[in-house]
Amino acid sequence: MFYTTEALLNDKVVNFKKHGSIHSAFGEHFVKTGLMDKRFHRWLLDSYDKRIMGDYGIELTLTSEDVKTMLDQANEFLSEARKYFELG
């Protein structure tokens, strides 16, 4: 979802290097403007939190259902981004 978000922001000619800036800009340029539903912003933030927990050794246990949910969310996020680019 992160790289999809970067592509969406790139279309708006806004580029950032830090995750937090990208997360905020997505909220500002896509959620607050109504271009994308706020659930996508929540999913982006949640997936980042899980990645950080996994990368830095904080105990994280993901069930197969957790993984399926995250994959479904990522696929829906990507599908919504594709719609945005098709309309653009």
PDB file of N, CA and C in Angstrom:
ATOM      1  N   MET A   1       0.824  -1.190   0.000  1.00  0.00           N
ATOM      2  CA  MET A   1       0.000   0.000   0.000  1.00  0.00           C
ATOM      3  C   MET A   1       0.870   1.256   0.000  1.00  0.00           C
ATOM      4  N   PHE A   2       2.021   1.159   0.624  1.00  0.00           N
ATOM      5  CA  PHE A   2       2.900   2.332   0.705  1.00  0.00           C
ATOM      6  C   PHE A   2       3.316   2.812  -0.689  1.00  0.00           C
ATOM      7  N   TYR A   3       3.757   1.896  -1.536  1.00  0.00           N
ATOM      8  CA  TYR A   3       4.213   2.296  -2.868  1.00  0.00           C
ATOM      9  C   TYR A   3       3.045   2.768  -3.738  1.00  0.00           C
ATOM     10  N   THR A   4       1.880   2.199  -3.530  1.00  0.00           N
ATOM     11  CA  THR A   4       0.692   2.667  -4.230  1.00  0.00           C
ATOM     12  C   THR A   4       0.381   4.099  -3.802  1.00  0.00           C
ATOM     13  N   THR A   5       0.522   4.363  -2.518  1.00  0.00           N
ATOM     14  CA  THR A   5       0.300   5.717  -1.999  1.00  0.00           C
ATOM     15  C   THR A   5       1.297   6.696  -2.600  1.00  0.00           C
ATOM     16  N   GLU A   6       2.555   6.273  -2.696  1.00  0.00           N
ATOM     17  CA  GLU A   6       3.561   7.137  -3.326  1.00  0.00           C
ATOM     18  C   GLU A   6       3.186   7.457  -4.772  1.00  0.00           C
ATOM     19  N   ALA A   7       2.687   6.470  -5.500  1.00  0.00           N
ATOM     20  CA  ALA A   7       2.286   6.689  -6.894  1.00  0.00           C
ATOM     21  C   ALA A   7       1.115   7.661  -6.972  1.00  0.00           C
ATOM     22  N   LEU A   8       0.156   7.516  -6.079  1.00  0.00           N
ATOM     23  CA  LEU A   8      -0.985   8.434  -6.056  1.00  0.00           C
ATOM     24  C   LEU A   8      -0.524   9.860  -5.781  1.00  0.00           C
ATOM     25  N   LEU A   9       0.354  10.024  -4.809  1.00  0.00           N
ATOM     26  CA  LEU A   9       0.844  11.367  -4.471  1.00  0.00           C
ATOM     27  C   LEU A   9       1.714  11.932  -5.587  1.00  0.00           C
ATOM     28  N   ASN A  10       2.453  11.080  -6.251  1.00  0.00           N
ATOM     29  CA  ASN A  10       3.266  11.524  -7.375  1.00  0.00           C
ATOM     30  C   ASN A  10       2.382  12.127  -8.471  1.00  0.00           C
ATOM     31  N   ASP A  11       1.198  11.549  -8.652  1.00  0.00           N
ATOM     32  CA  ASP A  11       0.254  12.085  -9.639  1.00  0.00           C
ATOM     33  C   ASP A  11      -0.198  13.496  -9.259  1.00  0.00           C
ATOM     34  N   LYS A  12      -0.194  13.792  -7.982  1.00  0.00           N
ATOM     35  CA  LYS A  12      -0.546  15.129  -7.485  1.00  0.00           C
ATOM     36  C   LYS A  12       0.687  16.039  -7.445  1.00  0.00           C
ATOM     37  N   VAL A  13       1.806  15.528  -7.911  1.00  0.00           N
ATOM     38  CA  VAL A  13       3.097  16.228  -7.917  1.00  0.00           C
ATOM     39  C   VAL A  13       3.509  16.621  -6.499  1.00  0.00           C
ATOM     40  N   VAL A  14       3.295  15.696  -5.583  1.00  0.00           N
ATOM     41  CA  VAL A  14       3.774  15.863  -4.217  1.00  0.00           C
ATOM     42  C   VAL A  14       4.627  14.652  -3.888  1.00  0.00           C
ATOM     43  N   ASN A  15       5.843  14.908  -3.505  1.00  0.00           N
ATOM     44  CA  ASN A  15       6.774  13.818  -3.201  1.00  0.00           C
ATOM     45  C   ASN A  15       7.370  14.019  -1.817  1.00  0.00           C
ATOM     46  N   PHE A  16       7.430  12.948  -1.084  1.00  0.00           N
ATOM     47  CA  PHE A  16       7.981  12.974   0.263  1.00  0.00           C
ATOM     48  C   PHE A  16       8.910  11.788   0.430  1.00  0.00           C
ATOM     49  N   LYS A  17       9.773  11.857   1.397  1.00  0.00           N
ATOM     50  CA  LYS A  17      10.725  10.782   1.672  1.00  0.00           C
ATOM     51  C   LYS A  17      10.340   9.964   2.907  1.00  0.00           C
ATOM     52  N   LYS A  18       9.714  10.595   3.885  1.00  0.00           N
ATOM     53  CA  LYS A  18       9.426   9.921   5.145  1.00  0.00           C
ATOM     54  C   LYS A  18       8.016   9.344   5.153  1.00  0.00           C
ATOM     55  N   HIS A  19       7.883   8.191   5.796  1.00  0.00           N
ATOM     56  CA  HIS A  19       6.589   7.521   5.870  1.00  0.00           C
ATOM     57  C   HIS A  19       5.508   8.420   6.450  1.00  0.00           C
ATOM     58  N   GLY A  20       5.814   9.078   7.553  1.00  0.00           N
ATOM     59  CA  GLY A  20       4.823   9.930   8.208  1.00  0.00           C
ATOM     60  C   GLY A  20       4.311  11.036   7.301  1.00  0.00           C
ATOM     61  N   SER A  21       5.201  11.627   6.529  1.00  0.00           N
ATOM     62  CA  SER A  21       4.802  12.690   5.599  1.00  0.00           C
ATOM     63  C   SER A  21       3.913  12.137   4.491  1.00  0.00           C
ATOM     64  N   ILE A  22       4.237  10.948   4.033  1.00  0.00           N
ATOM     65  CA  ILE A  22       3.436  10.309   2.982  1.00  0.00           C
ATOM     66  C   ILE A  22       2.058   9.951   3.527  1.00  0.00           C
ATOM     67  N   HIS A  23       1.994   9.430   4.723  1.00  0.00           N
ATOM     68  CA  HIS A  23       0.713   9.082   5.338  1.00  0.00           C
ATOM     69  C   HIS A  23      -0.150  10.330   5.490  1.00  0.00           C
ATOM     70  N   SER A  24       0.443  11.409   5.985  1.00  0.00           N
ATOM     71  CA  SER A  24      -0.302  12.655   6.175  1.00  0.00           C
ATOM     72  C   SER A  24      -0.778  13.241   4.853  1.00  0.00           C
ATOM     73  N   ALA A  25       0.105  13.248   3.867  1.00  0.00           N
ATOM     74  CA  ALA A  25      -0.249  13.811   2.561  1.00  0.00           C
ATOM     75  C   ALA A  25      -1.373  13.008   1.899  1.00  0.00           C
ATOM     76  N   PHE A  26      -1.363  11.687   2.078  1.00  0.00           N
ATOM     77  CA  PHE A  26      -2.447  10.869   1.532  1.00  0.00           C
ATOM     78  C   PHE A  26      -3.772  11.282   2.163  1.00  0.00           C
ATOM     79  N   GLY A  27      -3.770  11.449   3.470  1.00  0.00           N
ATOM     80  CA  GLY A  27      -4.985  11.896   4.153  1.00  0.00           C
ATOM     81  C   GLY A  27      -5.459  13.246   3.640  1.00  0.00           C
ATOM     82  N   GLU A  28      -4.524  14.150   3.460  1.00  0.00           N
ATOM     83  CA  GLU A  28      -4.862  15.509   3.012  1.00  0.00           C
ATOM     84  C   GLU A  28      -5.352  15.543   1.567  1.00  0.00           C
ATOM     85  N   HIS A  29      -4.639  14.871   0.670  1.00  0.00           N
ATOM     86  CA  HIS A  29      -4.928  14.983  -0.761  1.00  0.00           C
ATOM     87  C   HIS A  29      -5.966  13.990  -1.279  1.00  0.00           C
ATOM     88  N   PHE A  30      -6.200  12.906  -0.558  1.00  0.00           N
ATOM     89  CA  PHE A  30      -7.124  11.895  -1.067  1.00  0.00           C
ATOM     90  C   PHE A  30      -8.324  11.639  -0.163  1.00  0.00           C
ATOM     91  N   VAL A  31      -8.122  11.637   1.143  1.00  0.00           N
ATOM     92  CA  VAL A  31      -9.235  11.340   2.035  1.00  0.00           C
ATOM     93  C   VAL A  31     -10.051  12.598   2.315  1.00  0.00           C
ATOM     94  N   LYS A  32      -9.388  13.655   2.721  1.00  0.00           N
ATOM     95  CA  LYS A  32     -10.116  14.891   3.043  1.00  0.00           C
ATOM     96  C   LYS A  32     -10.824  15.489   1.830  1.00  0.00           C
ATOM     97  N   THR A  33     -10.309  15.228   0.645  1.00  0.00           N
ATOM     98  CA  THR A  33     -10.934  15.746  -0.571  1.00  0.00           C
ATOM     99  C   THR A  33     -12.035  14.823  -1.087  1.00  0.00           C
ATOM    100  N   GLY A  34     -12.179  13.649  -0.481  1.00  0.00           N
ATOM    101  CA  GLY A  34     -13.214  12.710  -0.891  1.00  0.00           C
ATOM    102  C   GLY A  34     -12.838  11.830  -2.072  1.00  0.00           C
ATOM    103  N   LEU A  35     -11.587  11.896  -2.518  1.00  0.00           N
ATOM    104  CA  LEU A  35     -11.169  11.057  -3.637  1.00  0.00           C
ATOM    105  C   LEU A  35     -11.099   9.580  -3.256  1.00  0.00           C
ATOM    106  N   MET A  36     -10.792   9.324  -1.997  1.00  0.00           N
ATOM    107  CA  MET A  36     -10.737   7.943  -1.515  1.00  0.00           C
ATOM    108  C   MET A  36     -11.346   7.888  -0.124  1.00  0.00           C
ATOM    109  N   ASP A  37     -11.925   6.759   0.193  1.00  0.00           N
ATOM    110  CA  ASP A  37     -12.570   6.556   1.482  1.00  0.00           C
ATOM    111  C   ASP A  37     -11.529   6.546   2.607  1.00  0.00           C
ATOM    112  N   LYS A  38     -11.934   7.004   3.776  1.00  0.00           N
ATOM    113  CA  LYS A  38     -11.017   7.094   4.915  1.00  0.00           C
ATOM    114  C   LYS A  38     -10.515   5.731   5.385  1.00  0.00           C
ATOM    115  N   ARG A  39     -11.234   4.656   5.052  1.00  0.00           N
ATOM    116  CA  ARG A  39     -10.772   3.327   5.479  1.00  0.00           C
ATOM    117  C   ARG A  39      -9.411   2.996   4.858  1.00  0.00           C
ATOM    118  N   PHE A  40      -9.142   3.522   3.653  1.00  0.00           N
ATOM    119  CA  PHE A  40      -7.861   3.256   3.018  1.00  0.00           C
ATOM    120  C   PHE A  40      -6.720   3.910   3.797  1.00  0.00           C
ATOM    121  N   HIS A  41      -6.961   5.065   4.348  1.00  0.00           N
ATOM    122  CA  HIS A  41      -5.952   5.731   5.174  1.00  0.00           C
ATOM    123  C   HIS A  41      -5.693   4.912   6.437  1.00  0.00           C
ATOM    124  N   ARG A  42      -6.758   4.422   7.053  1.00  0.00           N
ATOM    125  CA  ARG A  42      -6.622   3.599   8.254  1.00  0.00           C
ATOM    126  C   ARG A  42      -5.836   2.330   7.945  1.00  0.00           C
ATOM    127  N   TRP A  43      -6.146   1.702   6.825  1.00  0.00           N
ATOM    128  CA  TRP A  43      -5.438   0.482   6.438  1.00  0.00           C
ATOM    129  C   TRP A  43      -3.961   0.760   6.196  1.00  0.00           C
ATOM    130  N   LEU A  44      -3.664   1.878   5.560  1.00  0.00           N
ATOM    131  CA  LEU A  44      -2.275   2.264   5.311  1.00  0.00           C
ATOM    132  C   LEU A  44      -1.519   2.409   6.631  1.00  0.00           C
ATOM    133  N   LEU A  45      -2.114   3.110   7.574  1.00  0.00           N
ATOM    134  CA  LEU A  45      -1.483   3.314   8.876  1.00  0.00           C
ATOM    135  C   LEU A  45      -1.334   1.997   9.645  1.00  0.00           C
ATOM    136  N   ASP A  46      -2.377   1.171   9.618  1.00  0.00           N
ATOM    137  CA  ASP A  46      -2.317  -0.108  10.331  1.00  0.00           C
ATOM    138  C   ASP A  46      -1.246  -1.031   9.747  1.00  0.00           C
ATOM    139  N   SER A  47      -1.162  -1.078   8.425  1.00  0.00           N
ATOM    140  CA  SER A  47      -0.159  -1.951   7.808  1.00  0.00           C
ATOM    141  C   SER A  47       1.253  -1.473   8.133  1.00  0.00           C
ATOM    142  N   TYR A  48       1.438  -0.167   8.191  1.00  0.00           N
ATOM    143  CA  TYR A  48       2.741   0.381   8.566  1.00  0.00           C
ATOM    144  C   TYR A  48       3.095  -0.015  10.009  1.00  0.00           C
ATOM    145  N   ASP A  49       2.133   0.116  10.904  1.00  0.00           N
ATOM    146  CA  ASP A  49       2.375  -0.254  12.305  1.00  0.00           C
ATOM    147  C   ASP A  49       2.791  -1.719  12.428  1.00  0.00           C
ATOM    148  N   LYS A  50       2.114  -2.584  11.695  1.00  0.00           N
ATOM    149  CA  LYS A  50       2.453  -4.015  11.748  1.00  0.00           C
ATOM    150  C   LYS A  50       3.837  -4.267  11.164  1.00  0.00           C
ATOM    151  N   ARG A  51       4.171  -3.560  10.113  1.00  0.00           N
ATOM    152  CA  ARG A  51       5.499  -3.723   9.514  1.00  0.00           C
ATOM    153  C   ARG A  51       6.590  -3.294  10.495  1.00  0.00           C
ATOM    154  N   ILE A  52       6.390  -2.177  11.155  1.00  0.00           N
ATOM    155  CA  ILE A  52       7.367  -1.687  12.136  1.00  0.00           C
ATOM    156  C   ILE A  52       7.524  -2.703  13.273  1.00  0.00           C
ATOM    157  N   MET A  53       6.410  -3.229  13.755  1.00  0.00           N
ATOM    158  CA  MET A  53       6.486  -4.225  14.836  1.00  0.00           C
ATOM    159  C   MET A  53       7.263  -5.456  14.382  1.00  0.00           C
ATOM    160  N   GLY A  54       7.039  -5.889  13.168  1.00  0.00           N
ATOM    161  CA  GLY A  54       7.749  -7.053  12.646  1.00  0.00           C
ATOM    162  C   GLY A  54       9.222  -6.783  12.389  1.00  0.00           C
ATOM    163  N   ASP A  55       9.535  -5.602  11.849  1.00  0.00           N
ATOM    164  CA  ASP A  55      10.914  -5.269  11.496  1.00  0.00           C
ATOM    165  C   ASP A  55      11.813  -5.056  12.711  1.00  0.00           C
ATOM    166  N   TYR A  56      11.265  -4.511  13.771  1.00  0.00           N
ATOM    167  CA  TYR A  56      12.106  -4.114  14.892  1.00  0.00           C
ATOM    168  C   TYR A  56      11.978  -5.006  16.111  1.00  0.00           C
ATOM    169  N   GLY A  57      11.498  -6.219  15.895  1.00  0.00           N
ATOM    170  CA  GLY A  57      11.546  -7.220  16.944  1.00  0.00           C
ATOM    171  C   GLY A  57      10.512  -7.095  18.030  1.00  0.00           C
ATOM    172  N   ILE A  58       9.587  -6.165  17.888  1.00  0.00           N
ATOM    173  CA  ILE A  58       8.509  -6.105  18.864  1.00  0.00           C
ATOM    174  C   ILE A  58       7.643  -7.332  18.611  1.00  0.00           C
ATOM    175  N   GLU A  59       7.261  -7.996  19.663  1.00  0.00           N
ATOM    176  CA  GLU A  59       6.504  -9.231  19.481  1.00  0.00           C
ATOM    177  C   GLU A  59       5.235  -8.986  18.682  1.00  0.00           C
ATOM    178  N   LEU A  60       5.109  -9.734  17.623  1.00  0.00           N
ATOM    179  CA  LEU A  60       3.947  -9.627  16.753  1.00  0.00           C
ATOM    180  C   LEU A  60       3.555 -11.022  16.302  1.00  0.00           C
ATOM    181  N   THR A  61       2.323 -11.365  16.526  1.00  0.00           N
ATOM    182  CA  THR A  61       1.818 -12.644  16.068  1.00  0.00           C
ATOM    183  C   THR A  61       0.673 -12.378  15.114  1.00  0.00           C
ATOM    184  N   LEU A  62       0.864 -12.783  13.872  1.00  0.00           N
ATOM    185  CA  LEU A  62      -0.185 -12.639  12.877  1.00  0.00           C
ATOM    186  C   LEU A  62      -0.750 -14.019  12.566  1.00  0.00           C
ATOM    187  N   THR A  63      -2.042 -14.124  12.632  1.00  0.00           N
ATOM    188  CA  THR A  63      -2.687 -15.377  12.264  1.00  0.00           C
ATOM    189  C   THR A  63      -2.869 -15.398  10.751  1.00  0.00           C
ATOM    190  N   SER A  64      -3.203 -16.553  10.224  1.00  0.00           N
ATOM    191  CA  SER A  64      -3.462 -16.629   8.788  1.00  0.00           C
ATOM    192  C   SER A  64      -4.650 -15.750   8.415  1.00  0.00           C
ATOM    193  N   GLU A  65      -5.597 -15.599   9.324  1.00  0.00           N
ATOM    194  CA  GLU A  65      -6.740 -14.706   9.079  1.00  0.00           C
ATOM    195  C   GLU A  65      -6.289 -13.242   9.032  1.00  0.00           C
ATOM    196  N   ASP A  66      -5.350 -12.853   9.902  1.00  0.00           N
ATOM    197  CA  ASP A  66      -4.794 -11.498   9.878  1.00  0.00           C
ATOM    198  C   ASP A  66      -4.146 -11.217   8.520  1.00  0.00           C
ATOM    199  N   VAL A  67      -3.371 -12.172   8.062  1.00  0.00           N
ATOM    200  CA  VAL A  67      -2.665 -12.015   6.788  1.00  0.00           C
ATOM    201  C   VAL A  67      -3.670 -11.934   5.645  1.00  0.00           C
ATOM    202  N   LYS A  68      -4.677 -12.777   5.650  1.00  0.00           N
ATOM    203  CA  LYS A  68      -5.700 -12.735   4.614  1.00  0.00           C
ATOM    204  C   LYS A  68      -6.392 -11.373   4.598  1.00  0.00           C
ATOM    205  N   THR A  69      -6.726 -10.862   5.769  1.00  0.00           N
ATOM    206  CA  THR A  69      -7.373  -9.549   5.856  1.00  0.00           C
ATOM    207  C   THR A  69      -6.479  -8.461   5.273  1.00  0.00           C
ATOM    208  N   MET A  70      -5.192  -8.495   5.641  1.00  0.00           N
ATOM    209  CA  MET A  70      -4.262  -7.486   5.127  1.00  0.00           C
ATOM    210  C   MET A  70      -4.104  -7.586   3.612  1.00  0.00           C
ATOM    211  N   LEU A  71      -4.053  -8.794   3.092  1.00  0.00           N
ATOM    212  CA  LEU A  71      -3.943  -8.973   1.641  1.00  0.00           C
ATOM    213  C   LEU A  71      -5.205  -8.483   0.936  1.00  0.00           C
ATOM    214  N   ASP A  72      -6.357  -8.782   1.509  1.00  0.00           N
ATOM    215  CA  ASP A  72      -7.613  -8.290   0.931  1.00  0.00           C
ATOM    216  C   ASP A  72      -7.647  -6.761   0.929  1.00  0.00           C
ATOM    217  N   GLN A  73      -7.199  -6.164   2.023  1.00  0.00           N
ATOM    218  CA  GLN A  73      -7.167  -4.701   2.104  1.00  0.00           C
ATOM    219  C   GLN A  73      -6.211  -4.117   1.073  1.00  0.00           C
ATOM    220  N   ALA A  74      -5.037  -4.722   0.944  1.00  0.00           N
ATOM    221  CA  ALA A  74      -4.055  -4.230  -0.027  1.00  0.00           C
ATOM    222  C   ALA A  74      -4.595  -4.349  -1.449  1.00  0.00           C
ATOM    223  N   ASN A  75      -5.274  -5.442  -1.747  1.00  0.00           N
ATOM    224  CA  ASN A  75      -5.854  -5.610  -3.082  1.00  0.00           C
ATOM    225  C   ASN A  75      -6.949  -4.584  -3.353  1.00  0.00           C
ATOM    226  N   GLU A  76      -7.781  -4.323  -2.353  1.00  0.00           N
ATOM    227  CA  GLU A  76      -8.835  -3.312  -2.530  1.00  0.00           C
ATOM    228  C   GLU A  76      -8.233  -1.920  -2.674  1.00  0.00           C
ATOM    229  N   PHE A  77      -7.191  -1.643  -1.909  1.00  0.00           N
ATOM    230  CA  PHE A  77      -6.490  -0.362  -1.985  1.00  0.00           C
ATOM    231  C   PHE A  77      -5.929  -0.163  -3.400  1.00  0.00           C
ATOM    232  N   LEU A  78      -5.277  -1.189  -3.916  1.00  0.00           N
ATOM    233  CA  LEU A  78      -4.706  -1.126  -5.260  1.00  0.00           C
ATOM    234  C   LEU A  78      -5.798  -0.959  -6.310  1.00  0.00           C
ATOM    235  N   SER A  79      -6.893  -1.658  -6.150  1.00  0.00           N
ATOM    236  CA  SER A  79      -8.016  -1.541  -7.080  1.00  0.00           C
ATOM    237  C   SER A  79      -8.565  -0.115  -7.103  1.00  0.00           C
ATOM    238  N   GLU A  80      -8.676   0.488  -5.931  1.00  0.00           N
ATOM    239  CA  GLU A  80      -9.171   1.864  -5.842  1.00  0.00           C
ATOM    240  C   GLU A  80      -8.181   2.833  -6.487  1.00  0.00           C
ATOM    241  N   ALA A  81      -6.896   2.598  -6.306  1.00  0.00           N
ATOM    242  CA  ALA A  81      -5.873   3.438  -6.939  1.00  0.00           C
ATOM    243  C   ALA A  81      -5.958   3.321  -8.461  1.00  0.00           C
ATOM    244  N   ARG A  82      -6.162   2.111  -8.947  1.00  0.00           N
ATOM    245  CA  ARG A  82      -6.303   1.919 -10.400  1.00  0.00           C
ATOM    246  C   ARG A  82      -7.487   2.699 -10.943  1.00  0.00           C
ATOM    247  N   LYS A  83      -8.601   2.685 -10.207  1.00  0.00           N
ATOM    248  CA  LYS A  83      -9.778   3.464 -10.627  1.00  0.00           C
ATOM    249  C   LYS A  83      -9.430   4.944 -10.706  1.00  0.00           C
ATOM    250  N   TYR A  84      -8.703   5.425  -9.713  1.00  0.00           N
ATOM    251  CA  TYR A  84      -8.291   6.833  -9.703  1.00  0.00           C
ATOM    252  C   TYR A  84      -7.493   7.174 -10.955  1.00  0.00           C
ATOM    253  N   PHE A  85      -6.528   6.331 -11.298  1.00  0.00           N
ATOM    254  CA  PHE A  85      -5.684   6.598 -12.463  1.00  0.00           C
ATOM    255  C   PHE A  85      -6.471   6.469 -13.773  1.00  0.00           C
ATOM    256  N   GLU A  86      -7.429   5.570 -13.831  1.00  0.00           N
ATOM    257  CA  GLU A  86      -8.250   5.413 -15.034  1.00  0.00           C
ATOM    258  C   GLU A  86      -9.130   6.635 -15.263  1.00  0.00           C
ATOM    259  N   LEU A  87      -9.601   7.253 -14.182  1.00  0.00           N
ATOM    260  CA  LEU A  87     -10.456   8.429 -14.302  1.00  0.00           C
ATOM    261  C   LEU A  87      -9.648   9.696 -14.580  1.00  0.00           C
ATOM    262  N   GLY A  88      -8.377   9.666 -14.153  1.00  0.00           N
ATOM    263  CA  GLY A  88      -7.522  10.847 -14.229  1.00  0.00           C
ATOM    264  C   GLY A  88      -7.268  11.306 -15.602  1.00  0.00           C
TER     265      GLY A  88
END
